[in-house]
Amino acid sequence: MIRWIESYCVTAVDVVNETLSGLTPTEIIILTTVSLISYFFVVDTLKEWWKIGPKILVFRFITKTFLRNKVQQENEKLYKSIYEKYL
């Protein structure tokens, strides 16, 4: 197990070194900063979603999608009726 972890770490370091080899130190700092900000934003967002609850989120997504389709259908019907009536 320890050898597997060591080989994984060596492989990860090699990949990172190859990826960052063409960048300047300033670009590496900017990339790292942006990556950390993005990571913390995603983690905070997921924490907030988890507080709400996965079941509620799925329910909201399904109802929002269903309602959006229904509203769009009603708008099309209304548009057709108004178009026929006034033109």
PDB file of N, CA and C in Angstrom:
ATOM      1  N   MET A   1       0.831  -1.196   0.000  1.00  0.00           N
ATOM      2  CA  MET A   1       0.000   0.000   0.000  1.00  0.00           C
ATOM      3  C   MET A   1       0.875   1.259   0.000  1.00  0.00           C
ATOM      4  N   ILE A   2       1.931   1.237   0.822  1.00  0.00           N
ATOM      5  CA  ILE A   2       2.797   2.412   0.900  1.00  0.00           C
ATOM      6  C   ILE A   2       3.514   2.635  -0.420  1.00  0.00           C
ATOM      7  N   ARG A   3       3.936   1.540  -1.078  1.00  0.00           N
ATOM      8  CA  ARG A   3       4.601   1.681  -2.381  1.00  0.00           C
ATOM      9  C   ARG A   3       3.652   2.256  -3.424  1.00  0.00           C
ATOM     10  N   TRP A   4       2.405   1.844  -3.360  1.00  0.00           N
ATOM     11  CA  TRP A   4       1.429   2.380  -4.305  1.00  0.00           C
ATOM     12  C   TRP A   4       1.263   3.880  -4.087  1.00  0.00           C
ATOM     13  N   ILE A   5       1.171   4.304  -2.855  1.00  0.00           N
ATOM     14  CA  ILE A   5       1.037   5.730  -2.535  1.00  0.00           C
ATOM     15  C   ILE A   5       2.271   6.491  -2.994  1.00  0.00           C
ATOM     16  N   GLU A   6       3.459   5.930  -2.743  1.00  0.00           N
ATOM     17  CA  GLU A   6       4.691   6.587  -3.175  1.00  0.00           C
ATOM     18  C   GLU A   6       4.742   6.706  -4.694  1.00  0.00           C
ATOM     19  N   SER A   7       4.364   5.645  -5.411  1.00  0.00           N
ATOM     20  CA  SER A   7       4.397   5.708  -6.877  1.00  0.00           C
ATOM     21  C   SER A   7       3.367   6.700  -7.404  1.00  0.00           C
ATOM     22  N   TYR A   8       2.217   6.776  -6.746  1.00  0.00           N
ATOM     23  CA  TYR A   8       1.202   7.733  -7.149  1.00  0.00           C
ATOM     24  C   TYR A   8       1.708   9.164  -6.950  1.00  0.00           C
ATOM     25  N   CYS A   9       2.355   9.412  -5.826  1.00  0.00           N
ATOM     26  CA  CYS A   9       2.888  10.753  -5.549  1.00  0.00           C
ATOM     27  C   CYS A   9       3.971  11.130  -6.558  1.00  0.00           C
ATOM     28  N   VAL A  10       4.852  10.186  -6.877  1.00  0.00           N
ATOM     29  CA  VAL A  10       5.909  10.454  -7.859  1.00  0.00           C
ATOM     30  C   VAL A  10       5.291  10.755  -9.213  1.00  0.00           C
ATOM     31  N   THR A  11       4.300   9.989  -9.615  1.00  0.00           N
ATOM     32  CA  THR A  11       3.620  10.224 -10.887  1.00  0.00           C
ATOM     33  C   THR A  11       2.940  11.583 -10.888  1.00  0.00           C
ATOM     34  N   ALA A  12       2.284  11.930  -9.796  1.00  0.00           N
ATOM     35  CA  ALA A  12       1.604  13.227  -9.707  1.00  0.00           C
ATOM     36  C   ALA A  12       2.597  14.374  -9.803  1.00  0.00           C
ATOM     37  N   VAL A  13       3.733  14.258  -9.124  1.00  0.00           N
ATOM     38  CA  VAL A  13       4.754  15.308  -9.176  1.00  0.00           C
ATOM     39  C   VAL A  13       5.309  15.436 -10.591  1.00  0.00           C
ATOM     40  N   ASP A  14       5.540  14.309 -11.262  1.00  0.00           N
ATOM     41  CA  ASP A  14       6.041  14.352 -12.639  1.00  0.00           C
ATOM     42  C   ASP A  14       5.060  15.045 -13.575  1.00  0.00           C
ATOM     43  N   VAL A  15       3.779  14.731 -13.427  1.00  0.00           N
ATOM     44  CA  VAL A  15       2.752  15.349 -14.284  1.00  0.00           C
ATOM     45  C   VAL A  15       2.681  16.848 -14.024  1.00  0.00           C
ATOM     46  N   VAL A  16       2.708  17.246 -12.769  1.00  0.00           N
ATOM     47  CA  VAL A  16       2.653  18.668 -12.423  1.00  0.00           C
ATOM     48  C   VAL A  16       3.885  19.388 -12.956  1.00  0.00           C
ATOM     49  N   ASN A  17       5.053  18.788 -12.798  1.00  0.00           N
ATOM     50  CA  ASN A  17       6.278  19.407 -13.300  1.00  0.00           C
ATOM     51  C   ASN A  17       6.235  19.590 -14.815  1.00  0.00           C
ATOM     52  N   GLU A  18       5.739  18.585 -15.532  1.00  0.00           N
ATOM     53  CA  GLU A  18       5.621  18.706 -16.991  1.00  0.00           C
ATOM     54  C   GLU A  18       4.635  19.803 -17.368  1.00  0.00           C
ATOM     55  N   THR A  19       3.522  19.874 -16.659  1.00  0.00           N
ATOM     56  CA  THR A  19       2.479  20.857 -16.968  1.00  0.00           C
ATOM     57  C   THR A  19       2.962  22.271 -16.707  1.00  0.00           C
ATOM     58  N   LEU A  20       3.656  22.478 -15.608  1.00  0.00           N
ATOM     59  CA  LEU A  20       4.066  23.829 -15.221  1.00  0.00           C
ATOM     60  C   LEU A  20       5.436  24.231 -15.755  1.00  0.00           C
ATOM     61  N   SER A  21       6.105  23.365 -16.483  1.00  0.00           N
ATOM     62  CA  SER A  21       7.475  23.653 -16.903  1.00  0.00           C
ATOM     63  C   SER A  21       7.571  24.861 -17.832  1.00  0.00           C
ATOM     64  N   GLY A  22       6.553  25.142 -18.631  1.00  0.00           N
ATOM     65  CA  GLY A  22       6.613  26.254 -19.561  1.00  0.00           C
ATOM     66  C   GLY A  22       6.117  27.575 -18.997  1.00  0.00           C
ATOM     67  N   LEU A  23       5.713  27.590 -17.739  1.00  0.00           N
ATOM     68  CA  LEU A  23       5.144  28.799 -17.149  1.00  0.00           C
ATOM     69  C   LEU A  23       6.176  29.555 -16.320  1.00  0.00           C
ATOM     70  N   THR A  24       5.968  30.867 -16.248  1.00  0.00           N
ATOM     71  CA  THR A  24       6.828  31.693 -15.401  1.00  0.00           C
ATOM     72  C   THR A  24       6.332  31.604 -13.958  1.00  0.00           C
ATOM     73  N   PRO A  25       7.154  31.985 -12.982  1.00  0.00           N
ATOM     74  CA  PRO A  25       6.694  31.954 -11.585  1.00  0.00           C
ATOM     75  C   PRO A  25       5.437  32.792 -11.342  1.00  0.00           C
ATOM     76  N   THR A  26       5.333  33.926 -12.007  1.00  0.00           N
ATOM     77  CA  THR A  26       4.142  34.766 -11.846  1.00  0.00           C
ATOM     78  C   THR A  26       2.901  34.048 -12.362  1.00  0.00           C
ATOM     79  N   GLU A  27       3.013  33.384 -13.490  1.00  0.00           N
ATOM     80  CA  GLU A  27       1.875  32.646 -14.044  1.00  0.00           C
ATOM     81  C   GLU A  27       1.481  31.487 -13.122  1.00  0.00           C
ATOM     82  N   ILE A  28       2.464  30.843 -12.517  1.00  0.00           N
ATOM     83  CA  ILE A  28       2.175  29.742 -11.591  1.00  0.00           C
ATOM     84  C   ILE A  28       1.439  30.264 -10.362  1.00  0.00           C
ATOM     85  N   ILE A  29       1.851  31.416  -9.843  1.00  0.00           N
ATOM     86  CA  ILE A  29       1.177  32.003  -8.682  1.00  0.00           C
ATOM     87  C   ILE A  29      -0.255  32.393  -9.035  1.00  0.00           C
ATOM     88  N   ILE A  30      -0.446  33.006 -10.194  1.00  0.00           N
ATOM     89  CA  ILE A  30      -1.801  33.386 -10.626  1.00  0.00           C
ATOM     90  C   ILE A  30      -2.661  32.147 -10.812  1.00  0.00           C
ATOM     91  N   LEU A  31      -2.128  31.123 -11.459  1.00  0.00           N
ATOM     92  CA  LEU A  31      -2.870  29.882 -11.674  1.00  0.00           C
ATOM     93  C   LEU A  31      -3.246  29.224 -10.348  1.00  0.00           C
ATOM     94  N   THR A  32      -2.310  29.208  -9.416  1.00  0.00           N
ATOM     95  CA  THR A  32      -2.576  28.620  -8.101  1.00  0.00           C
ATOM     96  C   THR A  32      -3.649  29.407  -7.351  1.00  0.00           C
ATOM     97  N   THR A  33      -3.556  30.732  -7.387  1.00  0.00           N
ATOM     98  CA  THR A  33      -4.537  31.573  -6.703  1.00  0.00           C
ATOM     99  C   THR A  33      -5.935  31.369  -7.279  1.00  0.00           C
ATOM    100  N   VAL A  34      -6.038  31.378  -8.598  1.00  0.00           N
ATOM    101  CA  VAL A  34      -7.338  31.187  -9.245  1.00  0.00           C
ATOM    102  C   VAL A  34      -7.884  29.793  -8.940  1.00  0.00           C
ATOM    103  N   SER A  35      -7.016  28.809  -8.945  1.00  0.00           N
ATOM    104  CA  SER A  35      -7.451  27.445  -8.633  1.00  0.00           C
ATOM    105  C   SER A  35      -7.972  27.336  -7.205  1.00  0.00           C
ATOM    106  N   LEU A  36      -7.279  27.945  -6.262  1.00  0.00           N
ATOM    107  CA  LEU A  36      -7.731  27.897  -4.866  1.00  0.00           C
ATOM    108  C   LEU A  36      -9.051  28.629  -4.668  1.00  0.00           C
ATOM    109  N   ILE A  37      -9.188  29.788  -5.304  1.00  0.00           N
ATOM    110  CA  ILE A  37     -10.448  30.536  -5.191  1.00  0.00           C
ATOM    111  C   ILE A  37     -11.592  29.714  -5.776  1.00  0.00           C
ATOM    112  N   SER A  38     -11.363  29.113  -6.943  1.00  0.00           N
ATOM    113  CA  SER A  38     -12.395  28.277  -7.566  1.00  0.00           C
ATOM    114  C   SER A  38     -12.739  27.094  -6.684  1.00  0.00           C
ATOM    115  N   TYR A  39     -11.714  26.460  -6.125  1.00  0.00           N
ATOM    116  CA  TYR A  39     -11.926  25.298  -5.264  1.00  0.00           C
ATOM    117  C   TYR A  39     -12.772  25.674  -4.053  1.00  0.00           C
ATOM    118  N   PHE A  40     -12.407  26.760  -3.380  1.00  0.00           N
ATOM    119  CA  PHE A  40     -13.164  27.160  -2.195  1.00  0.00           C
ATOM    120  C   PHE A  40     -14.586  27.580  -2.546  1.00  0.00           C
ATOM    121  N   PHE A  41     -14.788  28.200  -3.703  1.00  0.00           N
ATOM    122  CA  PHE A  41     -16.136  28.557  -4.134  1.00  0.00           C
ATOM    123  C   PHE A  41     -16.976  27.297  -4.331  1.00  0.00           C
ATOM    124  N   VAL A  42     -16.398  26.308  -5.006  1.00  0.00           N
ATOM    125  CA  VAL A  42     -17.131  25.060  -5.245  1.00  0.00           C
ATOM    126  C   VAL A  42     -17.427  24.353  -3.930  1.00  0.00           C
ATOM    127  N   VAL A  43     -16.448  24.292  -3.032  1.00  0.00           N
ATOM    128  CA  VAL A  43     -16.655  23.625  -1.742  1.00  0.00           C
ATOM    129  C   VAL A  43     -17.732  24.354  -0.936  1.00  0.00           C
ATOM    130  N   ASP A  44     -17.679  25.682  -0.905  1.00  0.00           N
ATOM    131  CA  ASP A  44     -18.707  26.438  -0.180  1.00  0.00           C
ATOM    132  C   ASP A  44     -20.087  26.221  -0.774  1.00  0.00           C
ATOM    133  N   THR A  45     -20.158  26.207  -2.099  1.00  0.00           N
ATOM    134  CA  THR A  45     -21.438  25.979  -2.766  1.00  0.00           C
ATOM    135  C   THR A  45     -21.980  24.598  -2.426  1.00  0.00           C
ATOM    136  N   LEU A  46     -21.120  23.593  -2.472  1.00  0.00           N
ATOM    137  CA  LEU A  46     -21.565  22.239  -2.143  1.00  0.00           C
ATOM    138  C   LEU A  46     -21.993  22.125  -0.684  1.00  0.00           C
ATOM    139  N   LYS A  47     -21.300  22.826   0.212  1.00  0.00           N
ATOM    140  CA  LYS A  47     -21.699  22.818   1.624  1.00  0.00           C
ATOM    141  C   LYS A  47     -23.088  23.416   1.794  1.00  0.00           C
ATOM    142  N   GLU A  48     -23.353  24.524   1.103  1.00  0.00           N
ATOM    143  CA  GLU A  48     -24.670  25.157   1.189  1.00  0.00           C
ATOM    144  C   GLU A  48     -25.742  24.234   0.630  1.00  0.00           C
ATOM    145  N   TRP A  49     -25.447  23.583  -0.492  1.00  0.00           N
ATOM    146  CA  TRP A  49     -26.408  22.650  -1.064  1.00  0.00           C
ATOM    147  C   TRP A  49     -26.663  21.494  -0.118  1.00  0.00           C
ATOM    148  N   TRP A  50     -25.619  21.008   0.551  1.00  0.00           N
ATOM    149  CA  TRP A  50     -25.785  19.886   1.465  1.00  0.00           C
ATOM    150  C   TRP A  50     -26.649  20.280   2.658  1.00  0.00           C
ATOM    151  N   LYS A  51     -26.528  21.546   3.091  1.00  0.00           N
ATOM    152  CA  LYS A  51     -27.365  22.023   4.201  1.00  0.00           C
ATOM    153  C   LYS A  51     -28.831  21.994   3.800  1.00  0.00           C
ATOM    154  N   ILE A  52     -29.123  22.363   2.557  1.00  0.00           N
ATOM    155  CA  ILE A  52     -30.504  22.354   2.075  1.00  0.00           C
ATOM    156  C   ILE A  52     -31.020  20.920   2.023  1.00  0.00           C
ATOM    157  N   GLY A  53     -30.187  20.038   1.542  1.00  0.00           N
ATOM    158  CA  GLY A  53     -30.558  18.628   1.457  1.00  0.00           C
ATOM    159  C   GLY A  53     -30.669  18.176   0.011  1.00  0.00           C
ATOM    160  N   PRO A  54     -30.077  17.043  -0.296  1.00  0.00           N
ATOM    161  CA  PRO A  54     -30.091  16.547  -1.674  1.00  0.00           C
ATOM    162  C   PRO A  54     -31.495  16.282  -2.210  1.00  0.00           C
ATOM    163  N   LYS A  55     -32.383  15.760  -1.362  1.00  0.00           N
ATOM    164  CA  LYS A  55     -33.742  15.453  -1.830  1.00  0.00           C
ATOM    165  C   LYS A  55     -34.480  16.726  -2.219  1.00  0.00           C
ATOM    166  N   ILE A  56     -34.321  17.763  -1.430  1.00  0.00           N
ATOM    167  CA  ILE A  56     -34.980  19.033  -1.735  1.00  0.00           C
ATOM    168  C   ILE A  56     -34.411  19.633  -3.018  1.00  0.00           C
ATOM    169  N   LEU A  57     -33.105  19.523  -3.207  1.00  0.00           N
ATOM    170  CA  LEU A  57     -32.499  20.046  -4.427  1.00  0.00           C
ATOM    171  C   LEU A  57     -33.000  19.323  -5.665  1.00  0.00           C
ATOM    172  N   VAL A  58     -33.105  18.007  -5.573  1.00  0.00           N
ATOM    173  CA  VAL A  58     -33.632  17.232  -6.705  1.00  0.00           C
ATOM    174  C   VAL A  58     -35.080  17.617  -6.965  1.00  0.00           C
ATOM    175  N   PHE A  59     -35.869  17.758  -5.911  1.00  0.00           N
ATOM    176  CA  PHE A  59     -37.264  18.166  -6.065  1.00  0.00           C
ATOM    177  C   PHE A  59     -37.361  19.540  -6.723  1.00  0.00           C
ATOM    178  N   ARG A  60     -36.541  20.487  -6.277  1.00  0.00           N
ATOM    179  CA  ARG A  60     -36.558  21.825  -6.870  1.00  0.00           C
ATOM    180  C   ARG A  60     -36.182  21.775  -8.340  1.00  0.00           C
ATOM    181  N   PHE A  61     -35.166  20.990  -8.676  1.00  0.00           N
ATOM    182  CA  PHE A  61     -34.730  20.887 -10.070  1.00  0.00           C
ATOM    183  C   PHE A  61     -35.839  20.325 -10.942  1.00  0.00           C
ATOM    184  N   ILE A  62     -36.478  19.253 -10.478  1.00  0.00           N
ATOM    185  CA  ILE A  62     -37.541  18.619 -11.268  1.00  0.00           C
ATOM    186  C   ILE A  62     -38.723  19.561 -11.428  1.00  0.00           C
ATOM    187  N   THR A  63     -39.145  20.188 -10.333  1.00  0.00           N
ATOM    188  CA  THR A  63     -40.293  21.087 -10.444  1.00  0.00           C
ATOM    189  C   THR A  63     -39.967  22.310 -11.286  1.00  0.00           C
ATOM    190  N   LYS A  64     -38.753  22.830 -11.159  1.00  0.00           N
ATOM    191  CA  LYS A  64     -38.372  23.991 -11.962  1.00  0.00           C
ATOM    192  C   LYS A  64     -38.378  23.649 -13.439  1.00  0.00           C
ATOM    193  N   THR A  65     -37.848  22.479 -13.786  1.00  0.00           N
ATOM    194  CA  THR A  65     -37.833  22.039 -15.178  1.00  0.00           C
ATOM    195  C   THR A  65     -39.247  21.833 -15.687  1.00  0.00           C
ATOM    196  N   PHE A  66     -40.077  21.164 -14.899  1.00  0.00           N
ATOM    197  CA  PHE A  66     -41.461  20.914 -15.291  1.00  0.00           C
ATOM    198  C   PHE A  66     -42.217  22.228 -15.456  1.00  0.00           C
ATOM    199  N   LEU A  67     -42.069  23.127 -14.484  1.00  0.00           N
ATOM    200  CA  LEU A  67     -42.783  24.398 -14.556  1.00  0.00           C
ATOM    201  C   LEU A  67     -42.304  25.242 -15.732  1.00  0.00           C
ATOM    202  N   ARG A  68     -41.000  25.221 -16.012  1.00  0.00           N
ATOM    203  CA  ARG A  68     -40.474  25.981 -17.139  1.00  0.00           C
ATOM    204  C   ARG A  68     -41.110  25.487 -18.445  1.00  0.00           C
ATOM    205  N   ASN A  69     -41.242  24.177 -18.592  1.00  0.00           N
ATOM    206  CA  ASN A  69     -41.868  23.623 -19.797  1.00  0.00           C
ATOM    207  C   ASN A  69     -43.335  24.007 -19.881  1.00  0.00           C
ATOM    208  N   LYS A  70     -44.028  23.936 -18.766  1.00  0.00           N
ATOM    209  CA  LYS A  70     -45.450  24.306 -18.760  1.00  0.00           C
ATOM    210  C   LYS A  70     -45.642  25.785 -19.095  1.00  0.00           C
ATOM    211  N   VAL A  71     -44.819  26.641 -18.506  1.00  0.00           N
ATOM    212  CA  VAL A  71     -44.923  28.074 -18.778  1.00  0.00           C
ATOM    213  C   VAL A  71     -44.630  28.352 -20.245  1.00  0.00           C
ATOM    214  N   GLN A  72     -43.641  27.681 -20.794  1.00  0.00           N
ATOM    215  CA  GLN A  72     -43.309  27.880 -22.200  1.00  0.00           C
ATOM    216  C   GLN A  72     -44.466  27.436 -23.102  1.00  0.00           C
ATOM    217  N   GLN A  73     -45.096  26.332 -22.780  1.00  0.00           N
ATOM    218  CA  GLN A  73     -46.243  25.873 -23.563  1.00  0.00           C
ATOM    219  C   GLN A  73     -47.391  26.863 -23.485  1.00  0.00           C
ATOM    220  N   GLU A  74     -47.683  27.359 -22.278  1.00  0.00           N
ATOM    221  CA  GLU A  74     -48.761  28.331 -22.118  1.00  0.00           C
ATOM    222  C   GLU A  74     -48.452  29.632 -22.866  1.00  0.00           C
ATOM    223  N   ASN A  75     -47.189  30.060 -22.840  1.00  0.00           N
ATOM    224  CA  ASN A  75     -46.807  31.270 -23.577  1.00  0.00           C
ATOM    225  C   ASN A  75     -47.003  31.092 -25.071  1.00  0.00           C
ATOM    226  N   GLU A  76     -46.672  29.914 -25.577  1.00  0.00           N
ATOM    227  CA  GLU A  76     -46.869  29.651 -27.005  1.00  0.00           C
ATOM    228  C   GLU A  76     -48.354  29.674 -27.365  1.00  0.00           C
ATOM    229  N   LYS A  77     -49.186  29.061 -26.518  1.00  0.00           N
ATOM    230  CA  LYS A  77     -50.632  29.081 -26.763  1.00  0.00           C
ATOM    231  C   LYS A  77     -51.162  30.515 -26.747  1.00  0.00           C
ATOM    232  N   LEU A  78     -50.744  31.280 -25.750  1.00  0.00           N
ATOM    233  CA  LEU A  78     -51.183  32.663 -25.634  1.00  0.00           C
ATOM    234  C   LEU A  78     -50.726  33.483 -26.837  1.00  0.00           C
ATOM    235  N   TYR A  79     -49.483  33.306 -27.246  1.00  0.00           N
ATOM    236  CA  TYR A  79     -48.951  34.039 -28.396  1.00  0.00           C
ATOM    237  C   TYR A  79     -49.748  33.708 -29.653  1.00  0.00           C
ATOM    238  N   LYS A  80     -50.063  32.421 -29.857  1.00  0.00           N
ATOM    239  CA  LYS A  80     -50.830  32.020 -31.042  1.00  0.00           C
ATOM    240  C   LYS A  80     -52.221  32.634 -31.023  1.00  0.00           C
ATOM    241  N   SER A  81     -52.858  32.616 -29.858  1.00  0.00           N
ATOM    242  CA  SER A  81     -54.215  33.163 -29.785  1.00  0.00           C
ATOM    243  C   SER A  81     -54.211  34.678 -30.008  1.00  0.00           C
ATOM    244  N   ILE A  82     -53.253  35.372 -29.444  1.00  0.00           N
ATOM    245  CA  ILE A  82     -53.163  36.809 -29.656  1.00  0.00           C
ATOM    246  C   ILE A  82     -52.805  37.127 -31.102  1.00  0.00           C
ATOM    247  N   TYR A  83     -51.919  36.371 -31.674  1.00  0.00           N
ATOM    248  CA  TYR A  83     -51.520  36.569 -33.078  1.00  0.00           C
ATOM    249  C   TYR A  83     -52.720  36.385 -34.012  1.00  0.00           C
ATOM    250  N   GLU A  84     -53.505  35.304 -33.789  1.00  0.00           N
ATOM    251  CA  GLU A  84     -54.686  35.051 -34.619  1.00  0.00           C
ATOM    252  C   GLU A  84     -55.759  36.102 -34.404  1.00  0.00           C
ATOM    253  N   LYS A  85     -55.908  36.582 -33.193  1.00  0.00           N
ATOM    254  CA  LYS A  85     -56.965  37.526 -32.880  1.00  0.00           C
ATOM    255  C   LYS A  85     -56.698  38.907 -33.479  1.00  0.00           C
ATOM    256  N   TYR A  86     -55.463  39.364 -33.405  1.00  0.00           N
ATOM    257  CA  TYR A  86     -55.173  40.737 -33.815  1.00  0.00           C
ATOM    258  C   TYR A  86     -54.555  40.867 -35.191  1.00  0.00           C
ATOM    259  N   LEU A  87     -54.250  39.757 -35.861  1.00  0.00           N
ATOM    260  CA  LEU A  87     -53.687  39.888 -37.199  1.00  0.00           C
ATOM    261  C   LEU A  87     -54.534  39.253 -38.246  1.00  0.00           C
TER     262      LEU A  87
END
